[in-house]
Amino acid sequence: MITASSTDPLLLRVARGEQAERTPVWLMRQAGRYMADFRKFSDTIPFRERSETASIAIELSLQPWNAFQPDGVIMFSDILTPLPALGIEFDVIKGKGPRIDAPIRDMDAVRRLNPMEDPALKLPFVGETLRTLRQEVDGQATLLGFIGTPWTLAAYTIEGKAERNCRATKTMMMKQPQILHALLGHLTHALADYVVYQIDSGAQVVQLFDSWAHHLSPDQFEEFSLPYAEKVMESVRARRPGVPLIFHANGGAGKHELLKLSTADVIGLDWECSMKNARAVIGSDRTLQGNVDPTVLFGDEKVITAAVEKCLKEAGPRRHILNVGHGVIEGTPEESVGIFCDLARKSASLFQTA
């Protein structure tokens, strides 16, 4: 059991639901191509080499922390990273995104998948990255790990690529749901083991990214996504209690009543909803994360300040982690990210004058 301490970093305390001196901040995809230092690596080194070489992943993870001092440092990796350990190879094609040449399309393919046995042996770079980051940050920020949810990884492995209509996956959903459920079940067990490995390697908070939740109607989300994400969290809590888990569903704006049912310690919100309405539905007793539109960061300081202060006020002074509602976009001015983080550091004074 992990016990709370007032000396723990700010974001960790807020993720646990504790009262804190101000609103913490980090940004999804805060390590990315909007940073010139990041492009020195990404323009010359393929993605998997960057993410699977611990020394490079550590450098890329620390770049935004060194530049902007957010309250969270998230390891540079990808939601597809654990797939090769299961027997699913992938590549990331520059300008096109992930590609899986042998997508999962039938029950035999599901049965051939490997369990997540000994992730330290199969994915040693993840452990090395997290252990080193934890030492480098040294309690000054919270170290975040992450996974894709079972639904999102299932959709990627069935489609074999990013696909606008998720056609192959949803055809399977309609015609052969037993195959999809079998794949989701396998991924659920594997991802729970992967989260435990991340925690044992130093992650203090882990986010579950449901990047493809927007492909699902509320009914489909209730059957094919939420229960499997919940099973991951249930398994992790049974083995590593006390570690906060964030559930971020991209496309969750029409699913707040369902997200309210989640046992996640923190509910991540995309930018297609108002923080005010989300707070009203999900409740003042839940910790929310988000949800500034990332394109706001292309505005000037006045625009950024107005959007961030509105989000902060609607969320309230407690149980909120400031973030963008999706990842930082390529081309975002670096100084805008700095402004965003500075505004969170001033959040206590915002509420004092409100």
Protein backbone atom coordinates (compact mmCIF):
# COMPACT_ATOMS: atom_id res chain seq x y z
CA MET A 1 0.00 0.00 0.00
CA ILE A 2 1.35 3.42 -1.00
CA THR A 3 0.78 5.98 1.76
CA ALA A 4 0.13 9.67 1.20
CA SER A 5 2.70 12.28 2.15
CA SER A 6 2.58 16.08 2.12
CA THR A 7 6.08 15.98 0.62
CA ASP A 8 4.82 14.13 -2.45
CA PRO A 9 4.76 16.17 -5.69
CA LEU A 10 1.73 18.35 -6.35
CA LEU A 11 0.16 16.48 -9.26
CA LEU A 12 0.35 13.16 -7.41
CA ARG A 13 -1.44 14.63 -4.40
CA VAL A 14 -4.20 16.14 -6.53
CA ALA A 15 -4.60 12.90 -8.50
CA ARG A 16 -5.21 11.17 -5.17
CA GLY A 17 -7.97 13.67 -4.43
CA GLU A 18 -6.07 15.63 -1.80
CA GLN A 19 -6.37 19.36 -1.31
CA ALA A 20 -3.35 21.25 -2.59
CA GLU A 21 -1.94 24.75 -2.80
CA ARG A 22 -2.79 25.25 -6.50
CA THR A 23 -3.88 23.50 -9.68
CA PRO A 24 -1.16 21.28 -11.20
CA VAL A 25 -0.45 21.25 -14.92
CA TRP A 26 0.99 19.04 -17.64
CA LEU A 27 0.18 18.69 -21.35
CA MET A 28 -0.56 15.62 -23.41
CA ARG A 29 2.11 15.22 -26.10
CA GLN A 30 4.18 17.81 -24.27
CA ALA A 31 7.23 16.05 -25.71
CA GLY A 32 6.72 16.58 -29.42
CA ARG A 33 7.59 18.17 -32.72
CA TYR A 34 6.54 21.68 -31.66
CA MET A 35 9.89 21.80 -29.81
CA ALA A 36 13.00 22.54 -31.86
CA ASP A 37 15.11 20.31 -29.62
CA PHE A 38 12.70 17.42 -30.25
CA ARG A 39 12.97 17.83 -34.03
CA LYS A 40 16.73 17.34 -33.83
CA PHE A 41 15.90 13.73 -32.99
CA SER A 42 12.64 13.20 -34.88
CA ASP A 43 13.98 14.53 -38.19
CA THR A 44 16.81 11.99 -38.24
CA ILE A 45 15.85 8.99 -36.06
CA PRO A 46 12.85 6.70 -36.75
CA PHE A 47 10.10 6.71 -34.13
CA ARG A 48 10.57 3.22 -32.74
CA GLU A 49 14.29 3.76 -32.40
CA ARG A 50 13.62 6.97 -30.49
CA SER A 51 11.00 5.47 -28.19
CA GLU A 52 12.78 2.15 -27.66
CA THR A 53 16.24 3.56 -26.98
CA ALA A 54 16.12 4.52 -23.32
CA SER A 55 18.75 7.27 -23.51
CA ILE A 56 16.81 9.05 -26.29
CA ALA A 57 13.40 8.51 -24.67
CA ILE A 58 14.74 9.96 -21.42
CA GLU A 59 16.10 13.05 -23.19
CA LEU A 60 12.82 13.63 -25.05
CA SER A 61 10.76 13.13 -21.88
CA LEU A 62 12.80 15.72 -20.00
CA GLN A 63 12.85 18.40 -22.71
CA PRO A 64 9.48 19.98 -21.81
CA TRP A 65 10.14 19.66 -18.09
CA ASN A 66 13.47 21.45 -18.41
CA ALA A 67 11.89 24.13 -20.59
CA PHE A 68 8.53 24.75 -18.89
CA GLN A 69 8.57 22.99 -15.49
CA PRO A 70 5.14 21.32 -15.75
CA ASP A 71 4.04 19.36 -12.69
CA GLY A 72 4.02 16.09 -14.60
CA VAL A 73 6.73 14.38 -16.65
CA ILE A 74 5.36 11.67 -18.95
CA MET A 75 7.64 9.10 -20.50
CA PHE A 76 8.17 9.41 -24.24
CA SER A 77 6.65 6.27 -25.68
CA ASP A 78 3.61 5.17 -27.67
CA ILE A 79 0.37 3.34 -26.95
CA LEU A 80 1.47 0.65 -29.43
CA THR A 81 4.77 -0.01 -27.64
CA PRO A 82 3.62 -3.20 -25.82
CA LEU A 83 2.23 -4.85 -28.98
CA PRO A 84 5.45 -6.58 -30.14
CA ALA A 85 5.60 -8.34 -26.76
CA LEU A 86 2.24 -9.88 -27.70
CA GLY A 87 3.45 -10.91 -31.15
CA ILE A 88 2.05 -7.91 -33.06
CA GLU A 89 4.76 -6.02 -34.92
CA PHE A 90 4.21 -2.43 -35.99
CA ASP A 91 6.04 0.48 -37.55
CA VAL A 92 5.39 4.20 -37.58
CA ILE A 93 5.55 5.66 -41.09
CA LYS A 94 6.60 9.28 -41.13
CA GLY A 95 3.71 11.45 -42.23
CA LYS A 96 1.25 8.53 -42.17
CA GLY A 97 1.29 7.15 -38.63
CA PRO A 98 1.31 3.59 -37.26
CA ARG A 99 1.16 0.59 -39.59
CA ILE A 100 0.50 -3.05 -38.66
CA ASP A 101 1.13 -5.35 -41.62
CA ALA A 102 -0.62 -8.39 -40.13
CA PRO A 103 -3.85 -7.06 -38.59
CA ILE A 104 -6.02 -9.23 -36.34
CA ARG A 105 -9.07 -10.34 -38.33
CA ASP A 106 -10.14 -13.75 -36.98
CA MET A 107 -10.25 -15.88 -33.84
CA ASP A 108 -7.17 -17.89 -34.83
CA ALA A 109 -5.14 -14.68 -34.87
CA VAL A 110 -6.40 -13.83 -31.39
CA ARG A 111 -5.49 -17.30 -30.11
CA ARG A 112 -1.94 -16.94 -31.48
CA LEU A 113 -1.27 -13.83 -29.42
CA ASN A 114 1.32 -14.07 -26.66
CA PRO A 115 0.52 -13.23 -23.05
CA MET A 116 2.39 -10.32 -21.47
CA GLU A 117 4.98 -12.55 -19.82
CA ASP A 118 7.98 -10.85 -18.20
CA PRO A 119 7.64 -7.32 -19.63
CA ALA A 120 11.00 -6.45 -18.07
CA LEU A 121 12.56 -8.94 -20.50
CA LYS A 122 10.47 -8.04 -23.54
CA LEU A 123 10.29 -4.27 -22.96
CA PRO A 124 13.43 -3.46 -20.94
CA PHE A 125 13.75 0.07 -22.35
CA VAL A 126 10.44 1.06 -20.71
CA GLY A 127 11.72 0.13 -17.27
CA GLU A 128 15.07 1.82 -17.83
CA THR A 129 13.38 4.99 -19.08
CA LEU A 130 11.03 5.22 -16.11
CA ARG A 131 13.67 4.39 -13.49
CA THR A 132 16.02 7.04 -14.82
CA LEU A 133 13.29 9.66 -15.17
CA ARG A 134 12.21 9.08 -11.58
CA GLN A 135 15.79 9.72 -10.45
CA GLU A 136 16.20 12.77 -12.68
CA VAL A 137 12.95 14.42 -11.59
CA ASP A 138 13.77 13.60 -7.95
CA GLY A 139 10.40 14.45 -6.45
CA GLN A 140 10.11 17.84 -8.13
CA ALA A 141 7.36 16.63 -10.47
CA THR A 142 5.13 13.58 -10.81
CA LEU A 143 6.27 10.84 -13.18
CA LEU A 144 3.47 9.60 -15.43
CA GLY A 145 3.27 6.35 -17.34
CA PHE A 146 0.56 5.53 -19.86
CA ILE A 147 -1.14 2.88 -21.94
CA GLY A 148 -3.74 2.76 -24.66
CA THR A 149 -7.02 1.24 -23.53
CA PRO A 150 -8.00 -2.25 -24.70
CA TRP A 151 -10.56 -0.78 -27.12
CA THR A 152 -8.09 1.61 -28.74
CA LEU A 153 -5.39 -1.04 -29.13
CA ALA A 154 -7.93 -3.55 -30.44
CA ALA A 155 -9.07 -1.07 -33.08
CA TYR A 156 -5.49 -0.37 -34.15
CA THR A 157 -4.64 -4.06 -34.39
CA ILE A 158 -7.77 -4.83 -36.41
CA GLU A 159 -7.50 -1.86 -38.77
CA GLY A 160 -3.73 -2.06 -39.11
CA LYS A 161 -3.57 1.73 -39.30
CA ALA A 162 -5.45 4.87 -38.35
CA GLU A 163 -8.75 4.60 -40.23
CA ARG A 164 -11.33 7.36 -40.27
CA ASN A 165 -14.41 5.14 -40.10
CA CYS A 166 -12.90 2.25 -38.12
CA ARG A 167 -14.60 0.10 -40.73
CA ALA A 168 -12.98 -3.31 -40.22
CA THR A 169 -13.33 -3.10 -36.45
CA LYS A 170 -16.94 -2.01 -36.48
CA THR A 171 -17.81 -4.62 -39.11
CA MET A 172 -16.38 -7.22 -36.72
CA MET A 173 -18.37 -5.59 -33.92
CA MET A 174 -21.60 -5.99 -35.88
CA LYS A 175 -21.01 -9.43 -37.40
CA GLN A 176 -18.54 -11.27 -35.14
CA PRO A 177 -18.53 -9.55 -31.74
CA GLN A 178 -17.18 -12.67 -30.07
CA ILE A 179 -13.84 -12.15 -31.84
CA LEU A 180 -13.66 -8.54 -30.73
CA HIS A 181 -14.53 -9.46 -27.15
CA ALA A 182 -11.85 -12.18 -27.16
CA LEU A 183 -9.25 -9.69 -28.39
CA LEU A 184 -10.34 -7.12 -25.83
CA GLY A 185 -10.06 -9.70 -23.07
CA HIS A 186 -6.54 -10.69 -24.09
CA LEU A 187 -5.43 -7.07 -24.28
CA THR A 188 -6.99 -6.32 -20.89
CA HIS A 189 -4.87 -8.91 -19.10
CA ALA A 190 -1.72 -7.86 -20.97
CA LEU A 191 -2.21 -4.14 -20.35
CA ALA A 192 -2.85 -4.63 -16.63
CA ASP A 193 0.50 -6.44 -16.39
CA TYR A 194 2.12 -3.65 -18.40
CA VAL A 195 0.77 -0.97 -16.05
CA VAL A 196 2.08 -2.88 -13.02
CA TYR A 197 5.49 -3.04 -14.73
CA GLN A 198 5.44 0.73 -15.28
CA ILE A 199 4.53 1.34 -11.64
CA ASP A 200 7.26 -1.00 -10.41
CA SER A 201 9.69 0.90 -12.64
CA GLY A 202 8.83 4.28 -11.10
CA ALA A 203 5.57 5.62 -12.58
CA GLN A 204 3.59 7.42 -9.88
CA VAL A 205 0.42 7.99 -11.94
CA VAL A 206 -0.67 6.09 -15.07
CA GLN A 207 -3.03 7.43 -17.74
CA LEU A 208 -5.25 5.18 -19.84
CA PHE A 209 -5.67 6.79 -23.27
CA ASP A 210 -8.89 5.82 -25.05
CA SER A 211 -7.78 7.59 -28.20
CA TRP A 212 -10.44 5.98 -30.41
CA ALA A 213 -13.43 6.37 -28.07
CA HIS A 214 -14.82 8.88 -30.57
CA HIS A 215 -15.57 5.98 -32.93
CA LEU A 216 -18.07 4.57 -30.42
CA SER A 217 -21.66 5.48 -29.70
CA PRO A 218 -22.51 5.67 -26.00
CA ASP A 219 -23.99 2.15 -26.14
CA GLN A 220 -20.91 0.80 -27.90
CA PHE A 221 -18.63 2.59 -25.44
CA GLU A 222 -20.56 0.98 -22.58
CA GLU A 223 -20.01 -2.50 -24.04
CA PHE A 224 -16.66 -2.44 -25.80
CA SER A 225 -14.55 0.17 -24.01
CA LEU A 226 -15.51 1.17 -20.49
CA PRO A 227 -15.82 -2.33 -18.94
CA TYR A 228 -12.42 -3.39 -20.26
CA ALA A 229 -10.75 -0.21 -19.05
CA GLU A 230 -12.37 -0.84 -15.69
CA LYS A 231 -10.99 -4.39 -15.61
CA VAL A 232 -7.49 -3.05 -16.23
CA MET A 233 -7.86 -0.62 -13.34
CA GLU A 234 -9.36 -3.26 -11.07
CA SER A 235 -6.44 -5.61 -11.73
CA VAL A 236 -3.85 -2.88 -11.18
CA ARG A 237 -5.46 -1.71 -7.92
CA ALA A 238 -5.53 -5.26 -6.57
CA ARG A 239 -1.77 -5.51 -7.05
CA ARG A 240 -0.57 -1.91 -6.66
CA PRO A 241 -3.14 -0.07 -4.53
CA GLY A 242 -2.77 3.65 -3.99
CA VAL A 243 -1.42 4.54 -7.45
CA PRO A 244 -3.78 7.03 -9.13
CA LEU A 245 -5.14 6.09 -12.55
CA ILE A 246 -6.38 8.61 -15.14
CA PHE A 247 -8.95 7.62 -17.77
CA HIS A 248 -8.96 9.93 -20.80
CA ALA A 249 -11.56 9.17 -23.47
CA ASN A 250 -11.06 11.17 -26.65
CA GLY A 251 -14.58 11.81 -27.90
CA GLY A 252 -16.04 11.56 -24.42
CA ALA A 253 -18.18 14.69 -24.68
CA GLY A 254 -21.38 12.70 -25.22
CA LYS A 255 -20.45 10.05 -22.69
CA HIS A 256 -20.18 11.98 -19.42
CA GLU A 257 -22.95 10.00 -17.74
CA LEU A 258 -20.97 6.85 -18.48
CA LEU A 259 -17.62 8.38 -17.52
CA LYS A 260 -19.18 9.30 -14.20
CA LEU A 261 -19.48 5.55 -13.55
CA SER A 262 -15.76 4.98 -14.03
CA THR A 263 -13.67 4.15 -10.98
CA ALA A 264 -10.74 6.14 -12.36
CA ASP A 265 -9.15 8.50 -9.86
CA VAL A 266 -9.07 11.20 -12.53
CA ILE A 267 -11.37 11.66 -15.54
CA GLY A 268 -9.65 13.29 -18.51
CA LEU A 269 -11.82 15.54 -20.68
CA ASP A 270 -11.42 16.41 -24.33
CA TRP A 271 -11.93 19.98 -25.51
CA GLU A 272 -15.29 19.37 -27.20
CA CYS A 273 -17.17 19.95 -23.96
CA SER A 274 -17.27 22.77 -21.46
CA MET A 275 -15.57 22.19 -18.15
CA LYS A 276 -18.62 23.68 -16.48
CA ASN A 277 -21.02 21.12 -17.93
CA ALA A 278 -18.64 18.23 -17.34
CA ARG A 279 -18.22 19.27 -13.72
CA ALA A 280 -22.01 19.48 -13.31
CA VAL A 281 -22.53 15.96 -14.66
CA ILE A 282 -19.50 14.12 -13.29
CA GLY A 283 -19.58 15.89 -9.92
CA SER A 284 -17.65 18.18 -7.63
CA ASP A 285 -16.30 15.16 -5.74
CA ARG A 286 -14.41 13.82 -8.78
CA THR A 287 -11.00 14.93 -10.03
CA LEU A 288 -11.10 16.18 -13.62
CA GLN A 289 -8.27 16.80 -16.07
CA GLY A 290 -8.22 19.13 -19.03
CA ASN A 291 -9.60 20.55 -21.16
CA VAL A 292 -8.31 23.61 -23.04
CA ASP A 293 -8.56 23.38 -26.84
CA PRO A 294 -4.93 22.86 -27.98
CA THR A 295 -5.41 25.30 -30.85
CA VAL A 296 -5.81 28.05 -28.24
CA LEU A 297 -2.03 27.84 -27.93
CA PHE A 298 -1.77 29.37 -31.40
CA GLY A 299 -3.34 32.55 -30.01
CA ASP A 300 -1.61 35.42 -28.29
CA GLU A 301 -1.08 35.63 -24.54
CA LYS A 302 -4.42 37.35 -24.01
CA VAL A 303 -6.31 34.56 -25.78
CA ILE A 304 -4.43 31.84 -23.92
CA THR A 305 -4.96 33.55 -20.57
CA ALA A 306 -8.71 33.95 -21.13
CA ALA A 307 -9.16 30.29 -22.10
CA VAL A 308 -7.05 28.93 -19.25
CA GLU A 309 -8.67 31.15 -16.61
CA LYS A 310 -12.14 30.15 -17.83
CA CYS A 311 -11.21 26.48 -17.56
CA LEU A 312 -9.70 26.96 -14.10
CA LYS A 313 -12.72 28.87 -12.79
CA GLU A 314 -15.23 26.35 -14.15
CA ALA A 315 -13.26 23.43 -12.71
CA GLY A 316 -12.81 25.08 -9.33
CA PRO A 317 -9.82 25.32 -7.00
CA ARG A 318 -9.89 21.65 -6.01
CA ARG A 319 -9.85 18.33 -7.83
CA HIS A 320 -8.56 19.65 -11.14
CA ILE A 321 -5.43 19.02 -13.21
CA LEU A 322 -4.95 21.58 -15.97
CA ASN A 323 -4.21 20.10 -19.38
CA VAL A 324 -5.12 20.50 -23.01
CA GLY A 325 -8.06 18.41 -24.21
CA HIS A 326 -5.84 16.52 -26.64
CA GLY A 327 -2.16 16.58 -27.56
CA VAL A 328 -0.04 19.66 -28.23
CA ILE A 329 -0.18 20.26 -31.99
CA GLU A 330 2.88 20.40 -34.22
CA GLY A 331 3.72 24.03 -34.91
CA THR A 332 2.52 25.29 -31.53
CA PRO A 333 4.80 28.14 -30.39
CA GLU A 334 6.98 26.96 -27.53
CA GLU A 335 6.41 30.21 -25.65
CA SER A 336 2.67 29.43 -25.61
CA VAL A 337 3.33 26.23 -23.67
CA GLY A 338 5.36 28.27 -21.22
CA ILE A 339 2.48 30.73 -20.78
CA PHE A 340 0.06 27.84 -20.24
CA CYS A 341 2.20 26.36 -17.47
CA ASP A 342 2.81 29.75 -15.84
CA LEU A 343 -0.93 30.36 -15.60
CA ALA A 344 -1.39 27.18 -13.58
CA ARG A 345 1.34 28.31 -11.20
CA LYS A 346 -0.69 31.50 -10.66
CA SER A 347 -3.99 29.64 -10.15
CA ALA A 348 -4.05 30.11 -6.38
CA SER A 349 -4.13 33.89 -6.79
CA LEU A 350 -6.90 33.56 -9.38
CA PHE A 351 -9.19 31.95 -6.81
CA GLN A 352 -8.18 34.37 -4.07
CA THR A 353 -9.35 37.28 -6.20
CA ALA A 354 -12.44 35.54 -7.57
